[in-house]
Protein backbone atom coordinates (compact mmCIF):
# COMPACT_ATOMS: atom_id res chain seq x y z
CA MET A 1 0.00 0.00 0.00
CA ASN A 2 1.23 3.48 -0.86
CA ASP A 3 2.73 5.33 2.17
CA ASN A 4 0.67 8.48 1.49
CA ARG A 5 -2.51 6.44 1.34
CA ARG A 6 -1.62 4.59 4.53
CA ASP A 7 -0.88 7.90 6.32
CA PHE A 8 -4.18 9.33 5.12
CA LEU A 9 -6.12 6.28 6.31
CA VAL A 10 -4.42 6.19 9.72
CA LYS A 11 -4.75 9.92 10.38
CA GLY A 12 -8.27 10.14 8.99
CA THR A 13 -9.49 7.19 11.03
CA THR A 14 -7.88 8.59 14.18
CA VAL A 15 -9.46 12.03 13.77
CA LEU A 16 -12.88 10.62 12.95
CA SER A 17 -12.71 8.23 15.90
CA LEU A 18 -11.76 11.01 18.30
CA ALA A 19 -14.56 13.19 16.92
CA ALA A 20 -17.12 10.39 17.16
CA LEU A 21 -16.15 9.79 20.80
CA GLY A 22 -16.47 13.50 21.56
CA PHE A 23 -12.79 14.14 22.29
CA ILE A 24 -12.52 16.81 19.58
CA SER A 25 -14.91 18.94 17.63
CA ILE A 26 -14.82 18.86 13.85
CA SER A 27 -13.30 22.15 12.84
CA ASN A 28 -10.17 22.96 10.85
CA ASN A 29 -8.50 24.31 13.99
CA ALA A 30 -9.12 21.13 16.02
CA ILE A 31 -7.99 18.80 13.24
CA GLY A 32 -4.79 20.81 12.79
CA LYS A 33 -3.93 20.56 16.49
CA VAL A 34 -4.59 16.83 16.69
CA ARG A 35 -2.53 16.16 13.60
CA ALA A 36 0.43 18.20 14.88
CA TRP A 37 0.93 16.31 18.15
CA GLN A 38 0.31 12.90 16.65
CA GLN A 39 2.65 13.49 13.76
CA SER A 40 5.52 14.52 16.03
CA TRP A 41 5.02 11.48 18.26
CA PHE A 42 5.24 9.10 15.33
CA GLU A 43 7.95 10.91 13.35
CA ARG A 44 10.26 11.30 16.35
CA GLY A 45 9.38 7.96 17.97
CA LYS A 46 11.60 5.39 16.30
CA SER A 47 12.86 4.10 19.68
CA LEU A 48 11.44 4.04 23.20
CA ASP A 49 13.66 6.93 24.35
CA GLU A 50 12.76 9.04 21.30
CA THR A 51 9.06 8.36 21.89
CA PHE A 52 9.32 9.31 25.56
CA ASP A 53 11.07 12.51 24.49
CA ALA A 54 8.36 13.29 21.90
CA LEU A 55 5.67 12.73 24.56
CA GLY A 56 7.53 15.08 26.93
CA ILE A 57 8.46 12.35 29.40
CA ILE A 58 11.88 12.61 31.03
CA LYS A 59 12.08 9.32 32.95
CA PRO A 60 9.06 7.12 33.64
CA THR A 61 9.05 5.08 36.85
CA VAL A 62 9.00 1.29 36.54
CA ASP A 63 6.04 0.17 38.67
CA GLY A 64 4.74 -3.34 39.33
CA ARG A 65 1.23 -1.95 39.76
CA VAL A 66 1.09 -1.56 35.97
CA ILE A 67 0.05 -5.08 35.00
CA ILE A 68 0.19 -6.13 31.34
CA HIS A 69 -1.92 -8.99 30.06
CA ALA A 70 -0.67 -10.34 26.74
CA PRO A 71 0.19 -13.69 25.25
CA ASP A 72 3.72 -15.03 25.77
CA THR A 73 3.65 -16.03 22.10
CA ALA A 74 1.63 -14.25 19.42
CA GLU A 75 0.90 -16.49 16.46
CA ASN A 76 0.29 -13.48 14.21
CA GLY A 77 1.99 -10.15 14.86
CA ALA A 78 -0.65 -8.33 12.82
CA TYR A 79 -3.27 -8.93 15.52
CA VAL A 80 -2.02 -9.09 19.13
CA GLY A 81 -4.60 -8.68 21.89
CA ILE A 82 -3.20 -6.84 24.91
CA SER A 83 -4.52 -5.17 28.03
CA VAL A 84 -3.27 -3.23 31.01
CA GLU A 85 -4.68 -2.76 34.46
CA THR A 86 -3.55 -0.74 37.44
CA VAL A 87 -4.74 0.51 40.80
CA ILE A 88 -2.59 3.64 40.61
CA PRO A 89 -4.95 6.54 41.48
CA ASN A 90 -5.98 9.32 39.07
CA VAL A 91 -4.94 7.63 35.81
CA SER A 92 -5.60 9.99 32.89
CA GLY A 93 -3.79 8.30 30.02
CA VAL A 94 -2.35 5.03 28.79
CA ALA A 95 0.03 4.26 25.93
CA PHE A 96 1.43 1.09 24.43
CA LEU A 97 4.90 1.02 22.92
CA VAL A 98 6.61 -1.81 21.04
CA GLU A 99 10.38 -1.62 21.17
CA LYS A 100 11.16 -3.16 17.75
CA ASN A 101 8.29 -1.71 15.70
CA PRO A 102 9.20 0.81 12.98
CA ASN A 103 7.48 3.42 15.20
CA ALA A 104 7.58 2.50 18.87
CA LEU A 105 4.24 4.13 19.76
CA ALA A 106 1.47 1.60 19.04
CA GLY A 107 -1.33 3.55 20.71
CA TYR A 108 -2.04 6.46 23.06
CA PHE A 109 -5.36 6.95 24.82
CA GLU A 110 -6.49 9.79 27.09
CA ILE A 111 -9.20 8.84 29.57
CA LYS A 112 -11.13 10.40 32.41
CA ASN A 113 -9.37 10.10 35.75
CA THR A 114 -9.86 6.65 37.20
CA ASP A 115 -8.51 4.79 40.20
CA ASN A 116 -9.01 1.32 38.74
CA LEU A 117 -7.89 1.19 35.11
CA LYS A 118 -8.69 -1.84 32.95
CA PHE A 119 -7.98 -1.15 29.28
CA ALA A 120 -7.69 -3.54 26.33
CA THR A 121 -6.89 -3.15 22.65
CA LYS A 122 -5.20 -4.90 19.75
CA ILE A 123 -1.89 -3.85 18.21
CA LYS A 124 0.55 -4.87 15.49
CA MET A 125 4.02 -6.13 16.31
CA ALA A 126 6.72 -6.30 13.66
CA GLU A 127 8.74 -8.98 15.44
CA THR A 128 9.52 -10.52 18.82
CA SER A 129 9.93 -7.59 21.18
CA ASP A 130 9.17 -6.00 24.52
CA LEU A 131 5.74 -4.42 24.92
CA VAL A 132 5.77 -1.40 27.22
CA ALA A 133 2.63 -0.10 28.92
CA LEU A 134 2.87 3.55 29.95
CA VAL A 135 0.36 4.97 32.44
CA LYS A 136 -0.04 8.69 33.17
CA ALA A 137 -1.37 9.56 36.64
CA ASP A 138 -1.18 12.94 38.40
CA ASN A 139 1.38 14.23 35.87
CA ALA A 140 3.71 11.31 36.62
CA TYR A 141 4.43 8.39 34.31
CA TYR A 142 4.66 4.73 35.24
CA VAL A 143 5.76 1.84 33.02
CA ASN A 144 6.09 -1.88 32.96
CA SER A 145 7.08 -4.23 30.17
CA ARG A 146 6.48 -7.74 28.95
CA HIS A 147 8.36 -9.77 26.34
CA ILE A 148 6.19 -11.17 23.54
CA LYS A 149 7.45 -13.70 21.01
CA VAL A 150 5.96 -13.17 17.52
CA ILE A 151 5.86 -16.18 15.20
CA LEU A 152 4.35 -14.58 12.05
CA GLY A 153 5.30 -10.95 11.31
CA GLY A 154 2.78 -8.12 11.57
CA CYS A 155 3.97 -4.67 10.53
CA GLY A 156 4.65 -4.64 6.82
CA SER A 157 4.26 -8.38 6.25
């Protein structure tokens, strides 16, 4: 698939999803702002450290209260079901990063403050790698990771 077409589909779907969920209003100004922060996160996020820098995170704290549920072995990297849960209070965001993907950031979600986060999604993984769950709570960032073995490639296969 053509890179421009892929970018258009990814960005268009993201904006429409955010608008449908009420996170943004459909106006040229809102779309421009959403596109700007997302683009910088993906363009600058080729590694975990670059992604943390793009997100404005200096050093996240490794915390065992961030619990990742994911398979030890994913039979198809194009469709890996993952989830995270935590009892850290006042969680307002969660992100998933895959160390060996072409772009480390696999997903970023802002949520209303919660004290008992349970969040699930599906991601693509290019190859066997560490999955990092990043949780934002009270302007602090907490992470944990889990190694997932991928048998059949996902990103670009």
